[in-house]
């Protein structure tokens, strides 16, 4: 039977759902910023 230390190690090893969601949203926002920059260059 795993001890209480084992459970905390598993939780620390993988990011929480909130952290994972935040990372995905930040990557998406960065991609959108890059697309906007490229479109601005083409229009000018």
PDB file of N, CA and C in Angstrom:
ATOM      1  N   UNK A   1       0.849  -1.177   0.000  1.00  0.00           N
ATOM      2  CA  UNK A   1       0.000   0.000   0.000  1.00  0.00           C
ATOM      3  C   UNK A   1       0.896   1.242   0.000  1.00  0.00           C
ATOM      4  N   UNK A   2       0.653   2.167  -0.943  1.00  0.00           N
ATOM      5  CA  UNK A   2       1.532   3.350  -1.015  1.00  0.00           C
ATOM      6  C   UNK A   2       1.313   4.278   0.175  1.00  0.00           C
ATOM      7  N   UNK A   3       2.406   4.856   0.624  1.00  0.00           N
ATOM      8  CA  UNK A   3       2.338   5.778   1.749  1.00  0.00           C
ATOM      9  C   UNK A   3       1.863   7.155   1.294  1.00  0.00           C
ATOM     10  N   UNK A   4       1.647   8.055   2.233  1.00  0.00           N
ATOM     11  CA  UNK A   4       1.174   9.402   1.874  1.00  0.00           C
ATOM     12  C   UNK A   4       2.199  10.180   1.041  1.00  0.00           C
ATOM     13  N   UNK A   5       3.474   9.868   1.178  1.00  0.00           N
ATOM     14  CA  UNK A   5       4.505  10.554   0.383  1.00  0.00           C
ATOM     15  C   UNK A   5       4.347  10.250  -1.101  1.00  0.00           C
ATOM     16  N   UNK A   6       3.937   9.041  -1.422  1.00  0.00           N
ATOM     17  CA  UNK A   6       3.797   8.637  -2.823  1.00  0.00           C
ATOM     18  C   UNK A   6       2.741   9.482  -3.534  1.00  0.00           C
ATOM     19  N   UNK A   7       1.633   9.768  -2.865  1.00  0.00           N
ATOM     20  CA  UNK A   7       0.564  10.535  -3.486  1.00  0.00           C
ATOM     21  C   UNK A   7       0.999  11.975  -3.764  1.00  0.00           C
ATOM     22  N   UNK A   8       1.705  12.609  -2.853  1.00  0.00           N
ATOM     23  CA  UNK A   8       2.143  13.977  -3.085  1.00  0.00           C
ATOM     24  C   UNK A   8       3.185  14.033  -4.192  1.00  0.00           C
ATOM     25  N   UNK A   9       4.027  13.006  -4.323  1.00  0.00           N
ATOM     26  CA  UNK A   9       5.005  12.975  -5.407  1.00  0.00           C
ATOM     27  C   UNK A   9       4.309  12.912  -6.755  1.00  0.00           C
ATOM     28  N   UNK A  10       3.250  12.137  -6.871  1.00  0.00           N
ATOM     29  CA  UNK A  10       2.516  12.034  -8.130  1.00  0.00           C
ATOM     30  C   UNK A  10       1.860  13.366  -8.488  1.00  0.00           C
ATOM     31  N   UNK A  11       1.304  14.042  -7.496  1.00  0.00           N
ATOM     32  CA  UNK A  11       0.639  15.312  -7.775  1.00  0.00           C
ATOM     33  C   UNK A  11       1.642  16.374  -8.198  1.00  0.00           C
ATOM     34  N   UNK A  12       2.827  16.375  -7.613  1.00  0.00           N
ATOM     35  CA  UNK A  12       3.837  17.363  -7.974  1.00  0.00           C
ATOM     36  C   UNK A  12       4.450  17.058  -9.335  1.00  0.00           C
ATOM     37  N   UNK A  13       4.475  15.799  -9.714  1.00  0.00           N
ATOM     38  CA  UNK A  13       5.103  15.416 -10.968  1.00  0.00           C
ATOM     39  C   UNK A  13       4.298  15.895 -12.172  1.00  0.00           C
ATOM     40  N   UNK A  14       2.968  15.791 -12.119  1.00  0.00           N
ATOM     41  CA  UNK A  14       2.170  16.242 -13.258  1.00  0.00           C
ATOM     42  C   UNK A  14       1.480  17.551 -12.911  1.00  0.00           C
ATOM     43  N   UNK A  15       1.390  18.467 -13.884  1.00  0.00           N
ATOM     44  CA  UNK A  15       0.761  19.764 -13.599  1.00  0.00           C
ATOM     45  C   UNK A  15      -0.734  19.599 -13.348  1.00  0.00           C
ATOM     46  N   UNK A  16      -1.284  20.495 -12.566  1.00  0.00           N
ATOM     47  CA  UNK A  16      -2.712  20.444 -12.300  1.00  0.00           C
ATOM     48  C   UNK A  16      -3.473  20.800 -13.571  1.00  0.00           C
ATOM     49  N   UNK A  17      -4.746  20.508 -13.592  1.00  0.00           N
ATOM     50  CA  UNK A  17      -5.554  20.815 -14.766  1.00  0.00           C
ATOM     51  C   UNK A  17      -5.569  22.319 -15.024  1.00  0.00           C
ATOM     52  N   UNK A  18      -5.586  23.120 -13.956  1.00  0.00           N
ATOM     53  CA  UNK A  18      -5.582  24.566 -14.113  1.00  0.00           C
ATOM     54  C   UNK A  18      -4.282  25.030 -14.752  1.00  0.00           C
ATOM     55  N   UNK A  19      -3.148  24.536 -14.268  1.00  0.00           N
ATOM     56  CA  UNK A  19      -1.858  24.916 -14.847  1.00  0.00           C
ATOM     57  C   UNK A  19      -1.755  24.488 -16.299  1.00  0.00           C
ATOM     58  N   UNK A  20      -2.224  23.290 -16.592  1.00  0.00           N
ATOM     59  CA  UNK A  20      -2.169  22.787 -17.959  1.00  0.00           C
ATOM     60  C   UNK A  20      -3.054  23.630 -18.868  1.00  0.00           C
ATOM     61  N   UNK A  21      -4.250  23.965 -18.409  1.00  0.00           N
ATOM     62  CA  UNK A  21      -5.160  24.799 -19.202  1.00  0.00           C
ATOM     63  C   UNK A  21      -4.560  26.180 -19.426  1.00  0.00           C
ATOM     64  N   UNK A  22      -3.965  26.732 -18.379  1.00  0.00           N
ATOM     65  CA  UNK A  22      -3.358  28.070 -18.506  1.00  0.00           C
ATOM     66  C   UNK A  22      -2.216  28.058 -19.518  1.00  0.00           C
ATOM     67  N   UNK A  23      -1.400  26.996 -19.504  1.00  0.00           N
ATOM     68  CA  UNK A  23      -0.289  26.887 -20.448  1.00  0.00           C
ATOM     69  C   UNK A  23      -0.811  26.807 -21.883  1.00  0.00           C
ATOM     70  N   UNK A  24      -1.846  26.022 -22.107  1.00  0.00           N
ATOM     71  CA  UNK A  24      -2.415  25.886 -23.449  1.00  0.00           C
ATOM     72  C   UNK A  24      -2.966  27.221 -23.937  1.00  0.00           C
ATOM     73  N   UNK A  25      -3.661  27.946 -23.063  1.00  0.00           N
ATOM     74  CA  UNK A  25      -4.225  29.243 -23.439  1.00  0.00           C
ATOM     75  C   UNK A  25      -3.117  30.239 -23.748  1.00  0.00           C
ATOM     76  N   UNK A  26      -2.047  30.228 -22.960  1.00  0.00           N
ATOM     77  CA  UNK A  26      -0.927  31.138 -23.216  1.00  0.00           C
ATOM     78  C   UNK A  26      -0.268  30.832 -24.557  1.00  0.00           C
ATOM     79  N   UNK A  27      -0.114  29.551 -24.888  1.00  0.00           N
ATOM     80  CA  UNK A  27       0.458  29.182 -26.183  1.00  0.00           C
ATOM     81  C   UNK A  27      -0.455  29.642 -27.319  1.00  0.00           C
ATOM     82  N   UNK A  28      -1.757  29.476 -27.152  1.00  0.00           N
ATOM     83  CA  UNK A  28      -2.729  29.896 -28.164  1.00  0.00           C
ATOM     84  C   UNK A  28      -2.668  31.409 -28.363  1.00  0.00           C
ATOM     85  N   UNK A  29      -2.607  32.163 -27.265  1.00  0.00           N
ATOM     86  CA  UNK A  29      -2.527  33.618 -27.352  1.00  0.00           C
ATOM     87  C   UNK A  29      -1.240  34.050 -28.043  1.00  0.00           C
ATOM     88  N   UNK A  30      -0.137  33.387 -27.756  1.00  0.00           N
ATOM     89  CA  UNK A  30       1.131  33.716 -28.402  1.00  0.00           C
ATOM     90  C   UNK A  30       1.056  33.440 -29.902  1.00  0.00           C
ATOM     91  N   UNK A  31       0.416  32.337 -30.278  1.00  0.00           N
ATOM     92  CA  UNK A  31       0.240  32.034 -31.706  1.00  0.00           C
ATOM     93  C   UNK A  31      -0.613  33.097 -32.383  1.00  0.00           C
ATOM     94  N   UNK A  32      -1.676  33.543 -31.724  1.00  0.00           N
ATOM     95  CA  UNK A  32      -2.522  34.594 -32.302  1.00  0.00           C
ATOM     96  C   UNK A  32      -1.746  35.897 -32.461  1.00  0.00           C
ATOM     97  N   UNK A  33      -0.911  36.230 -31.473  1.00  0.00           N
ATOM     98  CA  UNK A  33      -0.094  37.451 -31.590  1.00  0.00           C
ATOM     99  C   UNK A  33       0.833  37.368 -32.798  1.00  0.00           C
ATOM    100  N   UNK A  34       1.419  36.203 -33.014  1.00  0.00           N
ATOM    101  CA  UNK A  34       2.326  36.023 -34.151  1.00  0.00           C
ATOM    102  C   UNK A  34       1.567  36.165 -35.473  1.00  0.00           C
ATOM    103  N   UNK A  35       0.379  35.606 -35.546  1.00  0.00           N
ATOM    104  CA  UNK A  35      -0.438  35.720 -36.764  1.00  0.00           C
ATOM    105  C   UNK A  35      -0.789  37.183 -37.021  1.00  0.00           C
ATOM    106  N   UNK A  36      -1.155  37.912 -35.975  1.00  0.00           N
ATOM    107  CA  UNK A  36      -1.485  39.334 -36.128  1.00  0.00           C
ATOM    108  C   UNK A  36      -0.279  40.115 -36.631  1.00  0.00           C
ATOM    109  N   UNK A  37       0.911  39.825 -36.090  1.00  0.00           N
ATOM    110  CA  UNK A  37       2.131  40.502 -36.562  1.00  0.00           C
ATOM    111  C   UNK A  37       2.356  40.246 -38.043  1.00  0.00           C
ATOM    112  N   UNK A  38       2.189  38.994 -38.470  1.00  0.00           N
ATOM    113  CA  UNK A  38       2.416  38.644 -39.873  1.00  0.00           C
ATOM    114  C   UNK A  38       1.400  39.342 -40.771  1.00  0.00           C
ATOM    115  N   UNK A  39       0.153  39.408 -40.342  1.00  0.00           N
ATOM    116  CA  UNK A  39      -0.875  40.083 -41.136  1.00  0.00           C
ATOM    117  C   UNK A  39      -0.603  41.587 -41.234  1.00  0.00           C
ATOM    118  N   UNK A  40      -0.149  42.192 -40.162  1.00  0.00           N
ATOM    119  CA  UNK A  40       0.168  43.619 -40.181  1.00  0.00           C
ATOM    120  C   UNK A  40       1.306  43.902 -41.163  1.00  0.00           C
ATOM    121  N   UNK A  41       2.317  43.012 -41.185  1.00  0.00           N
ATOM    122  CA  UNK A  41       3.434  43.186 -42.127  1.00  0.00           C
ATOM    123  C   UNK A  41       2.937  43.124 -43.574  1.00  0.00           C
ATOM    124  N   UNK A  42       2.024  42.206 -43.860  1.00  0.00           N
ATOM    125  CA  UNK A  42       1.528  42.062 -45.226  1.00  0.00           C
ATOM    126  C   UNK A  42       0.680  43.254 -45.638  1.00  0.00           C
ATOM    127  N   UNK A  43      -0.064  43.838 -44.711  1.00  0.00           N
ATOM    128  CA  UNK A  43      -0.928  44.959 -45.046  1.00  0.00           C
ATOM    129  C   UNK A  43      -0.164  46.272 -45.200  1.00  0.00           C
ATOM    130  N   UNK A  44       1.010  46.388 -44.598  1.00  0.00           N
ATOM    131  CA  UNK A  44       1.776  47.641 -44.685  1.00  0.00           C
ATOM    132  C   UNK A  44       2.722  47.646 -45.851  1.00  0.00           C
TER     133      UNK A  44
END
